[in-house]
Every structure is written in C-alpha cells, then in structure tokens.
Amino acid sequence: MIIRDGTRDFVGYGRTPPDPQWPGGARLALVVVLNLEEGAEPSIPDGDPASEAALTDAIPGEVEAGRRDFVAETLFEYGSRVGFWRLHDLFAERGVPLTINACAQALARNGEIAAAIREGNIDLCCHGDRFVRHYRMSEGEERGVIAAAFRGIEAAVGRPPLGWQSRYSSSEGTRRLLVEHGGFLYDADSYADDLPYWVEVVGRPHLVVPHSFTHNDNRLATAKLGTADDFYNHLAAAFRVLHAEGARHPRMMTVSLHGRISGQPSRFEAVQRFLDLAVSHDDVWFAGRSEVARHWMATHPAEAAS
C-alpha cells in the first residue's frame, strides 16, 4: 500500500517486508554517502551573520556572531582540500562505489572535485544549494532553491543529480516541489526504514530511499562517539545485525561520511576497517543510491505496491 506523503506511517512493511532481490542474491545492499558541503556552509565572507561551526572540531559559539571564526572556516576547508580526497581515493582503490551528496555551492567552488566526480562517473545526489532550512521558506523561495541547486550541480559536473536530500529537515511541501521540478529518481528525506518505499505525491508515486542519521560520522563531531574505534564498532555492529537479518529478509544499510570528519587522519581508520569488514563478505551488494533506486523501481514498481 502506498501512503500519501505527509501521512505518518507507523506500520511500514510490518512483519512481511518485500524481498528486495538484490543483485547476486545479496543479503545486504550497502550504500556509502560522502557529503560534500564545504564551501556551502554559512560564513561571514558569504554575507551570513556568523560562521558555521557545527559538525567540526571547532567549539560552536566560541566566536560570537558577527566575527569570523577562522578555526571553523579552516576546518571546513580541510574537508575539501584534504579529507575529501583521502576518502575518495580509498573508495576508488577498493572499488567500492560512493554516492556524493553535494551542495551545489560546494561543487562550484572546487573544480577539481567536480572533475573527479565527472571523470569517475560517481553517483550524485543533490544536498541543496547551500546550508538553508527549507522548513522556514515560503513555497516560492523553496521552489527557487531546488531549481538553483539542480542547475548548479548540472553546471559543475555536466550532468544532473539523480536524488535529493535536504540539508536540514524538509518542509511539508519539499517532496511535492521535487516532483513538480522533475528529474529526481528519489529523495532521501526519511530515516524511517531499512528498505526503499513508495509514497503518493500529488496523485503520483514517488520513491523514497531512506538515509541514516545513526550510521553517520556526525556521531563523532557531536561527541556522541569519541574515537575511530567507537565509530568502527558502531558501524560494525549495525552491519552484523543487518547482514544476519538479511538471511531471511535482505536489508539496506546506509553509511554517511563527511570529509571534514572522517577525512581527518585520526578517524579515517574507522572507514578503512569498516570497508575491510564489508568486503570480506561475498553476499553484499555495494551500490550507489541511484542504483538502489533504479533496482527498486524495476523489481518493486509502484504499480505493484498500490
């Protein structure tokens, strides 16, 4: 059954989730998202009232609004100057696909990263234009921001993004505006399931491929987890549970990374070790999020869910 967008659904697939029929009979589809946000965050040079310090090793609020926080600014710069490449190269060497969750302004400011995405044909999801809160916008403002983000990524890389994920909470109208805009296979503005699912938006089916706020290195930046070992154990525990469940009901796991967090040397080993664990299993499908979306559309089309 397809639930109308905006309707809270506490049942989902319940006790009988569909068989995803992942390629090769995999128990688990593993999606790794690398968020490219550096250069899109609020900063005084960009006309904002304060520097963004959240999800960095800077101390939020240490530098008052109206003054530049050079610790925060340069930690963001580290994410794109060094951290992105450390992670990008690891995944390229291991042959594990990435989904780049890109803010358009971040891509516009880093032609080398845009070129690497283009040359590697890396999966692209739109993470908005810059750090903006859609739930505070008028419908017209939000429509313009979605269009600008889509155009910006297409201009930087030479092809459009295939998915969408809001930087903060979406608004009540975001999904409708994404469908109205067109060009998006799916959105990831949900944390509600371990599998994709369909929703009805203005009378049309729309695919949701959930993201993860739990299997996310923001746990390190907010001190909910302390060290790389903690993060590895956190991810490994989730992997073991989902992989074991996958013998009966195949699952999807999403891991979310940031260059300015997991790209730091002290945290990078967690990602290396987690990949070592995942690739040691031959029944895991490593996929970009748009690959998962296309597979779901082909295997579990909306018509069958209605």
C-alpha atoms as a PDB file:
ATOM      1  CA  MET A   1       0.000   0.000   0.000  1.00  0.00           C
ATOM      2  CA  ILE A   2       1.309   3.455  -0.931  1.00  0.00           C
ATOM      3  CA  ILE A   3       0.820   6.050   1.809  1.00  0.00           C
ATOM      4  CA  ARG A   4       0.161   9.664   0.900  1.00  0.00           C
ATOM      5  CA  ASP A   5       3.125  11.973   1.514  1.00  0.00           C
ATOM      6  CA  GLY A   6       2.886  13.728   4.860  1.00  0.00           C
ATOM      7  CA  THR A   7       0.853  10.942   6.449  1.00  0.00           C
ATOM      8  CA  ARG A   8       2.670   9.359   9.375  1.00  0.00           C
ATOM      9  CA  ASP A   9       3.047   5.613   8.847  1.00  0.00           C
ATOM     10  CA  PHE A  10       3.941   3.547  11.912  1.00  0.00           C
ATOM     11  CA  VAL A  11       3.393   0.187  10.194  1.00  0.00           C
ATOM     12  CA  GLY A  12       5.508   0.253   7.044  1.00  0.00           C
ATOM     13  CA  TYR A  13       6.259  -3.237   5.741  1.00  0.00           C
ATOM     14  CA  GLY A  14       5.499  -4.765   9.130  1.00  0.00           C
ATOM     15  CA  ARG A  15       6.215  -8.465   9.560  1.00  0.00           C
ATOM     16  CA  THR A  16       6.358  -9.179   5.828  1.00  0.00           C
ATOM     17  CA  PRO A  17       8.919  -6.876   4.176  1.00  0.00           C
ATOM     18  CA  PRO A  18       9.337  -7.429   0.441  1.00  0.00           C
ATOM     19  CA  ASP A  19      12.309  -9.356  -0.877  1.00  0.00           C
ATOM     20  CA  PRO A  20      14.495  -6.675  -2.489  1.00  0.00           C
ATOM     21  CA  GLN A  21      16.026  -9.320  -4.792  1.00  0.00           C
ATOM     22  CA  TRP A  22      19.357  -7.524  -4.628  1.00  0.00           C
ATOM     23  CA  PRO A  23      21.725  -8.428  -7.473  1.00  0.00           C
ATOM     24  CA  GLY A  24      23.568 -11.712  -6.963  1.00  0.00           C
ATOM     25  CA  GLY A  25      21.177 -12.714  -4.201  1.00  0.00           C
ATOM     26  CA  ALA A  26      22.917 -10.357  -1.780  1.00  0.00           C
ATOM     27  CA  ARG A  27      21.752 -10.262   1.807  1.00  0.00           C
ATOM     28  CA  LEU A  28      22.590  -6.607   2.183  1.00  0.00           C
ATOM     29  CA  ALA A  29      22.822  -3.557  -0.071  1.00  0.00           C
ATOM     30  CA  LEU A  30      25.481  -1.175   1.275  1.00  0.00           C
ATOM     31  CA  VAL A  31      25.310   2.499   0.293  1.00  0.00           C
ATOM     32  CA  VAL A  32      28.098   4.859   1.388  1.00  0.00           C
ATOM     33  CA  VAL A  33      27.304   8.563   1.095  1.00  0.00           C
ATOM     34  CA  LEU A  34      30.071  11.172   1.161  1.00  0.00           C
ATOM     35  CA  ASN A  35      28.580  14.576   1.931  1.00  0.00           C
ATOM     36  CA  LEU A  36      30.246  17.424   0.048  1.00  0.00           C
ATOM     37  CA  GLU A  37      29.253  20.527   1.996  1.00  0.00           C
ATOM     38  CA  GLU A  38      32.465  22.501   2.416  1.00  0.00           C
ATOM     39  CA  GLY A  39      32.086  25.943   0.898  1.00  0.00           C
ATOM     40  CA  ALA A  40      28.311  25.866   1.209  1.00  0.00           C
ATOM     41  CA  GLU A  41      28.171  26.473   4.953  1.00  0.00           C
ATOM     42  CA  PRO A  42      27.260  29.851   6.476  1.00  0.00           C
ATOM     43  CA  SER A  43      30.220  32.213   6.717  1.00  0.00           C
ATOM     44  CA  ILE A  44      30.683  35.927   7.170  1.00  0.00           C
ATOM     45  CA  PRO A  45      32.581  36.297   3.838  1.00  0.00           C
ATOM     46  CA  ASP A  46      29.430  34.940   2.155  1.00  0.00           C
ATOM     47  CA  GLY A  47      27.255  37.531   3.852  1.00  0.00           C
ATOM     48  CA  ASP A  48      25.970  35.394   6.706  1.00  0.00           C
ATOM     49  CA  PRO A  49      25.755  36.758  10.256  1.00  0.00           C
ATOM     50  CA  ALA A  50      28.055  34.091  11.746  1.00  0.00           C
ATOM     51  CA  SER A  51      30.414  31.268  10.854  1.00  0.00           C
ATOM     52  CA  GLU A  52      29.133  27.690  10.916  1.00  0.00           C
ATOM     53  CA  ALA A  53      30.974  25.576  13.488  1.00  0.00           C
ATOM     54  CA  ALA A  54      28.617  22.606  13.770  1.00  0.00           C
ATOM     55  CA  LEU A  55      29.963  19.192  12.715  1.00  0.00           C
ATOM     56  CA  THR A  56      33.558  20.372  13.022  1.00  0.00           C
ATOM     57  CA  ASP A  57      36.131  20.205  15.825  1.00  0.00           C
ATOM     58  CA  ALA A  58      35.598  23.901  16.495  1.00  0.00           C
ATOM     59  CA  ILE A  59      33.615  24.995  19.547  1.00  0.00           C
ATOM     60  CA  PRO A  60      30.179  26.271  18.497  1.00  0.00           C
ATOM     61  CA  GLY A  61      29.543  29.696  19.958  1.00  0.00           C
ATOM     62  CA  GLU A  62      33.175  30.297  20.937  1.00  0.00           C
ATOM     63  CA  VAL A  63      33.372  33.166  18.440  1.00  0.00           C
ATOM     64  CA  GLU A  64      30.341  35.403  18.680  1.00  0.00           C
ATOM     65  CA  ALA A  65      28.112  36.185  15.728  1.00  0.00           C
ATOM     66  CA  GLY A  66      29.447  38.996  13.589  1.00  0.00           C
ATOM     67  CA  ARG A  67      33.063  37.857  13.784  1.00  0.00           C
ATOM     68  CA  ARG A  68      34.790  35.328  11.576  1.00  0.00           C
ATOM     69  CA  ASP A  69      35.612  32.013  13.243  1.00  0.00           C
ATOM     70  CA  PHE A  70      38.833  31.035  11.478  1.00  0.00           C
ATOM     71  CA  VAL A  71      39.024  27.708  13.311  1.00  0.00           C
ATOM     72  CA  ALA A  72      35.643  26.691  11.915  1.00  0.00           C
ATOM     73  CA  GLU A  73      36.354  28.135   8.469  1.00  0.00           C
ATOM     74  CA  THR A  74      39.651  26.313   8.062  1.00  0.00           C
ATOM     75  CA  LEU A  75      38.244  23.035   9.388  1.00  0.00           C
ATOM     76  CA  PHE A  76      35.644  23.209   6.630  1.00  0.00           C
ATOM     77  CA  GLU A  77      38.432  23.942   4.154  1.00  0.00           C
ATOM     78  CA  TYR A  78      40.336  20.881   5.366  1.00  0.00           C
ATOM     79  CA  GLY A  79      37.311  18.784   4.462  1.00  0.00           C
ATOM     80  CA  SER A  80      37.505  19.669   0.775  1.00  0.00           C
ATOM     81  CA  ARG A  81      41.263  20.280   0.480  1.00  0.00           C
ATOM     82  CA  VAL A  82      42.337  17.010   2.123  1.00  0.00           C
ATOM     83  CA  GLY A  83      39.569  14.946   3.712  1.00  0.00           C
ATOM     84  CA  PHE A  84      37.509  14.501   0.566  1.00  0.00           C
ATOM     85  CA  TRP A  85      40.497  13.177  -1.342  1.00  0.00           C
ATOM     86  CA  ARG A  86      41.535  10.794   1.431  1.00  0.00           C
ATOM     87  CA  LEU A  87      38.090   9.193   1.345  1.00  0.00           C
ATOM     88  CA  HIS A  88      37.640   9.419  -2.424  1.00  0.00           C
ATOM     89  CA  ASP A  89      40.943   7.655  -3.057  1.00  0.00           C
ATOM     90  CA  LEU A  90      40.198   4.904  -0.533  1.00  0.00           C
ATOM     91  CA  PHE A  91      36.909   4.013  -2.198  1.00  0.00           C
ATOM     92  CA  ALA A  92      38.454   4.177  -5.667  1.00  0.00           C
ATOM     93  CA  GLU A  93      41.274   1.855  -4.586  1.00  0.00           C
ATOM     94  CA  ARG A  94      38.840  -0.630  -3.026  1.00  0.00           C
ATOM     95  CA  GLY A  95      36.470  -0.465  -5.999  1.00  0.00           C
ATOM     96  CA  VAL A  96      33.557   0.440  -3.710  1.00  0.00           C
ATOM     97  CA  PRO A  97      31.089   2.945  -5.172  1.00  0.00           C
ATOM     98  CA  LEU A  98      30.276   6.210  -3.448  1.00  0.00           C
ATOM     99  CA  THR A  99      27.265   8.456  -3.623  1.00  0.00           C
ATOM    100  CA  ILE A 100      28.320  12.106  -3.408  1.00  0.00           C
ATOM    101  CA  ASN A 101      25.710  14.125  -1.548  1.00  0.00           C
ATOM    102  CA  ALA A 102      26.688  17.532  -2.906  1.00  0.00           C
ATOM    103  CA  CYS A 103      25.700  21.082  -2.107  1.00  0.00           C
ATOM    104  CA  ALA A 104      25.797  22.983  -5.398  1.00  0.00           C
ATOM    105  CA  GLN A 105      27.823  25.891  -3.990  1.00  0.00           C
ATOM    106  CA  ALA A 106      30.465  23.491  -2.667  1.00  0.00           C
ATOM    107  CA  LEU A 107      30.891  21.992  -6.133  1.00  0.00           C
ATOM    108  CA  ALA A 108      31.011  25.422  -7.756  1.00  0.00           C
ATOM    109  CA  ARG A 109      33.970  26.318  -5.534  1.00  0.00           C
ATOM    110  CA  ASN A 110      36.007  23.180  -6.167  1.00  0.00           C
ATOM    111  CA  GLY A 111      36.520  22.382  -9.822  1.00  0.00           C
ATOM    112  CA  GLU A 112      38.909  19.540  -9.020  1.00  0.00           C
ATOM    113  CA  ILE A 113      36.282  17.687  -7.033  1.00  0.00           C
ATOM    114  CA  ALA A 114      33.694  18.346  -9.743  1.00  0.00           C
ATOM    115  CA  ALA A 115      36.130  16.925 -12.305  1.00  0.00           C
ATOM    116  CA  ALA A 116      36.772  13.823 -10.188  1.00  0.00           C
ATOM    117  CA  ILE A 117      33.032  13.185  -9.922  1.00  0.00           C
ATOM    118  CA  ARG A 118      32.656  13.681 -13.655  1.00  0.00           C
ATOM    119  CA  GLU A 119      35.647  11.532 -14.637  1.00  0.00           C
ATOM    120  CA  GLY A 120      34.735   8.745 -12.213  1.00  0.00           C
ATOM    121  CA  ASN A 121      31.047   8.850 -13.156  1.00  0.00           C
ATOM    122  CA  ILE A 122      30.305   8.931  -9.429  1.00  0.00           C
ATOM    123  CA  ASP A 123      26.698   8.785  -8.308  1.00  0.00           C
ATOM    124  CA  LEU A 124      25.306  12.238  -7.488  1.00  0.00           C
ATOM    125  CA  CYS A 125      22.632  13.272  -5.020  1.00  0.00           C
ATOM    126  CA  CYS A 126      21.653  16.919  -4.521  1.00  0.00           C
ATOM    127  CA  HIS A 127      22.121  18.160  -0.965  1.00  0.00           C
ATOM    128  CA  GLY A 128      20.672  21.570  -1.738  1.00  0.00           C
ATOM    129  CA  ASP A 129      22.403  24.737  -2.874  1.00  0.00           C
ATOM    130  CA  ARG A 130      23.971  25.652   0.476  1.00  0.00           C
ATOM    131  CA  PHE A 131      23.062  25.316   4.154  1.00  0.00           C
ATOM    132  CA  VAL A 132      19.469  26.502   4.175  1.00  0.00           C
ATOM    133  CA  ARG A 133      16.436  25.436   6.171  1.00  0.00           C
ATOM    134  CA  HIS A 134      13.637  24.529   3.800  1.00  0.00           C
ATOM    135  CA  TYR A 135      11.052  24.354   6.558  1.00  0.00           C
ATOM    136  CA  ARG A 136      11.450  28.122   7.096  1.00  0.00           C
ATOM    137  CA  MET A 137      10.876  29.048   3.450  1.00  0.00           C
ATOM    138  CA  SER A 138       7.845  30.158   1.536  1.00  0.00           C
ATOM    139  CA  GLU A 139       6.804  27.836  -1.268  1.00  0.00           C
ATOM    140  CA  GLY A 140       8.194  30.218  -3.884  1.00  0.00           C
ATOM    141  CA  GLU A 141      11.536  30.505  -2.118  1.00  0.00           C
ATOM    142  CA  GLU A 142      11.861  26.758  -1.775  1.00  0.00           C
ATOM    143  CA  ARG A 143      10.934  26.158  -5.403  1.00  0.00           C
ATOM    144  CA  GLY A 144      13.685  28.561  -6.454  1.00  0.00           C
ATOM    145  CA  VAL A 145      16.271  26.967  -4.170  1.00  0.00           C
ATOM    146  CA  ILE A 146      15.556  23.471  -5.508  1.00  0.00           C
ATOM    147  CA  ALA A 147      15.869  24.695  -9.087  1.00  0.00           C
ATOM    148  CA  ALA A 148      19.097  26.601  -8.342  1.00  0.00           C
ATOM    149  CA  ALA A 149      20.669  23.576  -6.634  1.00  0.00           C
ATOM    150  CA  PHE A 150      19.761  21.270  -9.521  1.00  0.00           C
ATOM    151  CA  ARG A 151      21.130  23.724 -12.104  1.00  0.00           C
ATOM    152  CA  GLY A 152      24.281  24.370 -10.085  1.00  0.00           C
ATOM    153  CA  ILE A 153      25.244  20.714  -9.841  1.00  0.00           C
ATOM    154  CA  GLU A 154      24.473  20.120 -13.504  1.00  0.00           C
ATOM    155  CA  ALA A 155      26.638  23.112 -14.470  1.00  0.00           C
ATOM    156  CA  ALA A 156      29.563  21.977 -12.298  1.00  0.00           C
ATOM    157  CA  VAL A 157      29.610  18.298 -13.259  1.00  0.00           C
ATOM    158  CA  GLY A 158      27.944  18.252 -16.667  1.00  0.00           C
ATOM    159  CA  ARG A 159      25.075  16.013 -15.588  1.00  0.00           C
ATOM    160  CA  PRO A 160      22.211  16.424 -13.153  1.00  0.00           C
ATOM    161  CA  PRO A 161      21.886  14.821  -9.713  1.00  0.00           C
ATOM    162  CA  LEU A 162      19.587  11.815  -9.571  1.00  0.00           C
ATOM    163  CA  GLY A 163      18.415  12.179  -5.985  1.00  0.00           C
ATOM    164  CA  TRP A 164      17.696  14.770  -3.341  1.00  0.00           C
ATOM    165  CA  GLN A 165      18.359  15.056   0.374  1.00  0.00           C
ATOM    166  CA  SER A 166      17.622  18.247   2.312  1.00  0.00           C
ATOM    167  CA  ARG A 167      20.497  19.628   4.400  1.00  0.00           C
ATOM    168  CA  TYR A 168      18.152  20.070   7.362  1.00  0.00           C
ATOM    169  CA  SER A 169      14.571  18.904   7.802  1.00  0.00           C
ATOM    170  CA  SER A 170      12.473  19.157   4.663  1.00  0.00           C
ATOM    171  CA  SER A 171       9.317  21.251   4.616  1.00  0.00           C
ATOM    172  CA  GLU A 172       5.798  19.932   4.242  1.00  0.00           C
ATOM    173  CA  GLY A 173       5.987  20.861   0.558  1.00  0.00           C
ATOM    174  CA  THR A 174       9.512  19.725  -0.362  1.00  0.00           C
ATOM    175  CA  ARG A 175       8.530  16.382  -1.846  1.00  0.00           C
ATOM    176  CA  ARG A 176       5.756  17.953  -3.900  1.00  0.00           C
ATOM    177  CA  LEU A 177       8.168  20.572  -5.239  1.00  0.00           C
ATOM    178  CA  LEU A 178      10.714  17.874  -6.146  1.00  0.00           C
ATOM    179  CA  VAL A 179       8.064  16.024  -8.144  1.00  0.00           C
ATOM    180  CA  GLU A 180       6.952  19.291  -9.731  1.00  0.00           C
ATOM    181  CA  HIS A 181      10.551  20.109 -10.714  1.00  0.00           C
ATOM    182  CA  GLY A 182      11.181  16.655 -12.193  1.00  0.00           C
ATOM    183  CA  GLY A 183      14.482  14.923 -12.829  1.00  0.00           C
ATOM    184  CA  PHE A 184      14.809  13.264  -9.424  1.00  0.00           C
ATOM    185  CA  LEU A 185      14.591   9.470  -9.224  1.00  0.00           C
ATOM    186  CA  TYR A 186      14.106   9.569  -5.464  1.00  0.00           C
ATOM    187  CA  ASP A 187      14.573  11.568  -2.319  1.00  0.00           C
ATOM    188  CA  ALA A 188      16.346  10.531   0.879  1.00  0.00           C
ATOM    189  CA  ASP A 189      14.447  12.812   3.255  1.00  0.00           C
ATOM    190  CA  SER A 190      13.492   9.927   5.531  1.00  0.00           C
ATOM    191  CA  TYR A 191      15.051   7.832   8.283  1.00  0.00           C
ATOM    192  CA  ALA A 192      12.060   5.512   8.585  1.00  0.00           C
ATOM    193  CA  ASP A 193      13.146   2.164   7.153  1.00  0.00           C
ATOM    194  CA  ASP A 194      15.878  -0.244   6.115  1.00  0.00           C
ATOM    195  CA  LEU A 195      14.376  -0.512   2.631  1.00  0.00           C
ATOM    196  CA  PRO A 196      13.126   1.927  -0.018  1.00  0.00           C
ATOM    197  CA  TYR A 197       9.407   2.598  -0.169  1.00  0.00           C
ATOM    198  CA  TRP A 198       6.877   4.439  -2.307  1.00  0.00           C
ATOM    199  CA  VAL A 199       4.742   7.401  -1.289  1.00  0.00           C
ATOM    200  CA  GLU A 200       1.962   9.189  -3.138  1.00  0.00           C
ATOM    201  CA  VAL A 201       2.743  12.810  -4.021  1.00  0.00           C
ATOM    202  CA  VAL A 202       0.054  14.897  -5.763  1.00  0.00           C
ATOM    203  CA  GLY A 203      -1.518  11.701  -7.055  1.00  0.00           C
ATOM    204  CA  ARG A 204       1.751  10.230  -8.354  1.00  0.00           C
ATOM    205  CA  PRO A 205       4.061   7.573  -6.923  1.00  0.00           C
ATOM    206  CA  HIS A 206       7.422   8.812  -5.679  1.00  0.00           C
ATOM    207  CA  LEU A 207      10.292   6.699  -4.370  1.00  0.00           C
ATOM    208  CA  VAL A 208      11.961   7.293  -1.012  1.00  0.00           C
ATOM    209  CA  VAL A 209      15.387   5.734  -0.365  1.00  0.00           C
ATOM    210  CA  PRO A 210      15.986   6.363   3.348  1.00  0.00           C
ATOM    211  CA  HIS A 211      19.160   7.985   4.669  1.00  0.00           C
ATOM    212  CA  SER A 212      20.784   7.338   8.065  1.00  0.00           C
ATOM    213  CA  PHE A 213      21.352   9.743  10.916  1.00  0.00           C
ATOM    214  CA  THR A 214      22.619   6.859  13.041  1.00  0.00           C
ATOM    215  CA  HIS A 215      25.292   5.276  10.824  1.00  0.00           C
ATOM    216  CA  ASN A 216      26.716   8.738  10.378  1.00  0.00           C
ATOM    217  CA  ASP A 217      30.062  10.243  11.374  1.00  0.00           C
ATOM    218  CA  ASN A 218      28.189  13.211  12.817  1.00  0.00           C
ATOM    219  CA  ARG A 219      28.299  10.993  15.912  1.00  0.00           C
ATOM    220  CA  LEU A 220      31.997  11.828  16.152  1.00  0.00           C
ATOM    221  CA  ALA A 221      31.658  15.555  15.550  1.00  0.00           C
ATOM    222  CA  THR A 222      28.961  15.882  18.210  1.00  0.00           C
ATOM    223  CA  ALA A 223      30.872  13.737  20.771  1.00  0.00           C
ATOM    224  CA  LYS A 224      28.169  11.079  20.864  1.00  0.00           C
ATOM    225  CA  LEU A 225      31.057   8.801  19.880  1.00  0.00           C
ATOM    226  CA  GLY A 226      34.617   9.521  20.927  1.00  0.00           C
ATOM    227  CA  THR A 227      37.141   7.780  18.693  1.00  0.00           C
ATOM    228  CA  ALA A 228      37.614   5.983  15.412  1.00  0.00           C
ATOM    229  CA  ASP A 229      37.368   2.693  17.305  1.00  0.00           C
ATOM    230  CA  ASP A 230      33.979   3.754  18.652  1.00  0.00           C
ATOM    231  CA  PHE A 231      32.764   4.639  15.169  1.00  0.00           C
ATOM    232  CA  TYR A 232      34.047   1.373  13.700  1.00  0.00           C
ATOM    233  CA  ASN A 233      32.346  -0.651  16.442  1.00  0.00           C
ATOM    234  CA  HIS A 234      29.151   1.337  15.898  1.00  0.00           C
ATOM    235  CA  LEU A 235      29.117   0.616  12.154  1.00  0.00           C
ATOM    236  CA  ALA A 236      30.295  -2.977  12.530  1.00  0.00           C
ATOM    237  CA  ALA A 237      27.505  -3.760  14.998  1.00  0.00           C
ATOM    238  CA  ALA A 238      24.902  -2.411  12.562  1.00  0.00           C
ATOM    239  CA  PHE A 239      26.478  -4.359   9.705  1.00  0.00           C
ATOM    240  CA  ARG A 240      26.452  -7.623  11.652  1.00  0.00           C
ATOM    241  CA  VAL A 241      22.809  -7.233  12.658  1.00  0.00           C
ATOM    242  CA  LEU A 242      21.587  -6.283   9.188  1.00  0.00           C
ATOM    243  CA  HIS A 243      23.691  -8.933   7.475  1.00  0.00           C
ATOM    244  CA  ALA A 244      22.368 -11.638   9.821  1.00  0.00           C
ATOM    245  CA  GLU A 245      18.772 -10.487   9.295  1.00  0.00           C
ATOM    246  CA  GLY A 246      19.427 -10.500   5.571  1.00  0.00           C
ATOM    247  CA  ALA A 247      19.490 -14.298   5.523  1.00  0.00           C
ATOM    248  CA  ARG A 248      15.723 -14.109   5.996  1.00  0.00           C
ATOM    249  CA  HIS A 249      14.836 -10.556   4.986  1.00  0.00           C
ATOM    250  CA  PRO A 250      17.513  -8.769   2.902  1.00  0.00           C
ATOM    251  CA  ARG A 251      18.201  -5.237   4.074  1.00  0.00           C
ATOM    252  CA  MET A 252      19.869  -1.978   3.055  1.00  0.00           C
ATOM    253  CA  MET A 253      22.489  -0.133   5.112  1.00  0.00           C
ATOM    254  CA  THR A 254      23.493   3.463   4.517  1.00  0.00           C
ATOM    255  CA  VAL A 255      26.685   4.974   5.945  1.00  0.00           C
ATOM    256  CA  SER A 256      27.078   8.763   5.878  1.00  0.00           C
ATOM    257  CA  LEU A 257      30.519  10.425   5.908  1.00  0.00           C
ATOM    258  CA  HIS A 258      31.957  13.961   5.750  1.00  0.00           C
ATOM    259  CA  GLY A 259      35.413  14.961   4.546  1.00  0.00           C
ATOM    260  CA  ARG A 260      35.945  17.306   7.489  1.00  0.00           C
ATOM    261  CA  ILE A 261      35.093  14.493   9.951  1.00  0.00           C
ATOM    262  CA  SER A 262      36.023  11.029   8.657  1.00  0.00           C
ATOM    263  CA  GLY A 263      38.630  12.589   6.393  1.00  0.00           C
ATOM    264  CA  GLN A 264      40.662  13.527   9.462  1.00  0.00           C
ATOM    265  CA  PRO A 265      43.581  11.060   9.954  1.00  0.00           C
ATOM    266  CA  SER A 266      42.521  10.174  13.499  1.00  0.00           C
ATOM    267  CA  ARG A 267      39.131   8.977  12.238  1.00  0.00           C
ATOM    268  CA  PHE A 268      39.978   7.626   8.808  1.00  0.00           C
ATOM    269  CA  GLU A 269      40.982   4.176  10.066  1.00  0.00           C
ATOM    270  CA  ALA A 270      37.393   3.525  11.110  1.00  0.00           C
ATOM    271  CA  VAL A 271      36.290   3.783   7.492  1.00  0.00           C
ATOM    272  CA  GLN A 272      39.173   1.591   6.315  1.00  0.00           C
ATOM    273  CA  ARG A 273      38.385  -1.088   8.869  1.00  0.00           C
ATOM    274  CA  PHE A 274      34.679  -0.985   8.108  1.00  0.00           C
ATOM    275  CA  LEU A 275      35.336  -1.479   4.401  1.00  0.00           C
ATOM    276  CA  ASP A 276      37.648  -4.392   5.251  1.00  0.00           C
ATOM    277  CA  LEU A 277      34.765  -5.968   7.165  1.00  0.00           C
ATOM    278  CA  ALA A 278      32.186  -5.351   4.457  1.00  0.00           C
ATOM    279  CA  VAL A 279      34.282  -6.556   1.507  1.00  0.00           C
ATOM    280  CA  SER A 280      35.127  -9.772   3.367  1.00  0.00           C
ATOM    281  CA  HIS A 281      31.532 -10.855   2.709  1.00  0.00           C
ATOM    282  CA  ASP A 282      30.648 -12.016  -0.790  1.00  0.00           C
ATOM    283  CA  ASP A 283      26.897 -11.554  -0.259  1.00  0.00           C
ATOM    284  CA  VAL A 284      26.928  -7.752   0.000  1.00  0.00           C
ATOM    285  CA  TRP A 285      25.918  -5.541  -2.913  1.00  0.00           C
ATOM    286  CA  PHE A 286      27.911  -2.294  -2.897  1.00  0.00           C
ATOM    287  CA  ALA A 287      25.819   0.272  -4.736  1.00  0.00           C
ATOM    288  CA  GLY A 288      25.279   3.950  -5.318  1.00  0.00           C
ATOM    289  CA  ARG A 289      21.960   5.179  -4.016  1.00  0.00           C
ATOM    290  CA  SER A 290      20.605   5.799  -7.504  1.00  0.00           C
ATOM    291  CA  GLU A 291      21.463   2.181  -8.377  1.00  0.00           C
ATOM    292  CA  VAL A 292      19.351   1.081  -5.441  1.00  0.00           C
ATOM    293  CA  ALA A 293      16.551   3.368  -6.638  1.00  0.00           C
ATOM    294  CA  ARG A 294      16.646   2.005 -10.181  1.00  0.00           C
ATOM    295  CA  HIS A 295      16.736  -1.573  -8.916  1.00  0.00           C
ATOM    296  CA  TRP A 296      13.745  -0.959  -6.663  1.00  0.00           C
ATOM    297  CA  MET A 297      11.783   0.678  -9.463  1.00  0.00           C
ATOM    298  CA  ALA A 298      12.429  -2.331 -11.701  1.00  0.00           C
ATOM    299  CA  THR A 299      11.862  -5.015  -9.059  1.00  0.00           C
ATOM    300  CA  HIS A 300       9.110  -3.415  -6.982  1.00  0.00           C
ATOM    301  CA  PRO A 301       7.393  -0.920  -9.286  1.00  0.00           C
ATOM    302  CA  ALA A 302       4.872   1.479  -7.831  1.00  0.00           C
ATOM    303  CA  GLU A 303       2.012  -0.277  -9.580  1.00  0.00           C
ATOM    304  CA  ALA A 304       2.707  -3.441  -7.599  1.00  0.00           C
ATOM    305  CA  ALA A 305       2.763  -1.508  -4.321  1.00  0.00           C
ATOM    306  CA  SER A 306      -0.532   0.301  -4.869  1.00  0.00           C
END
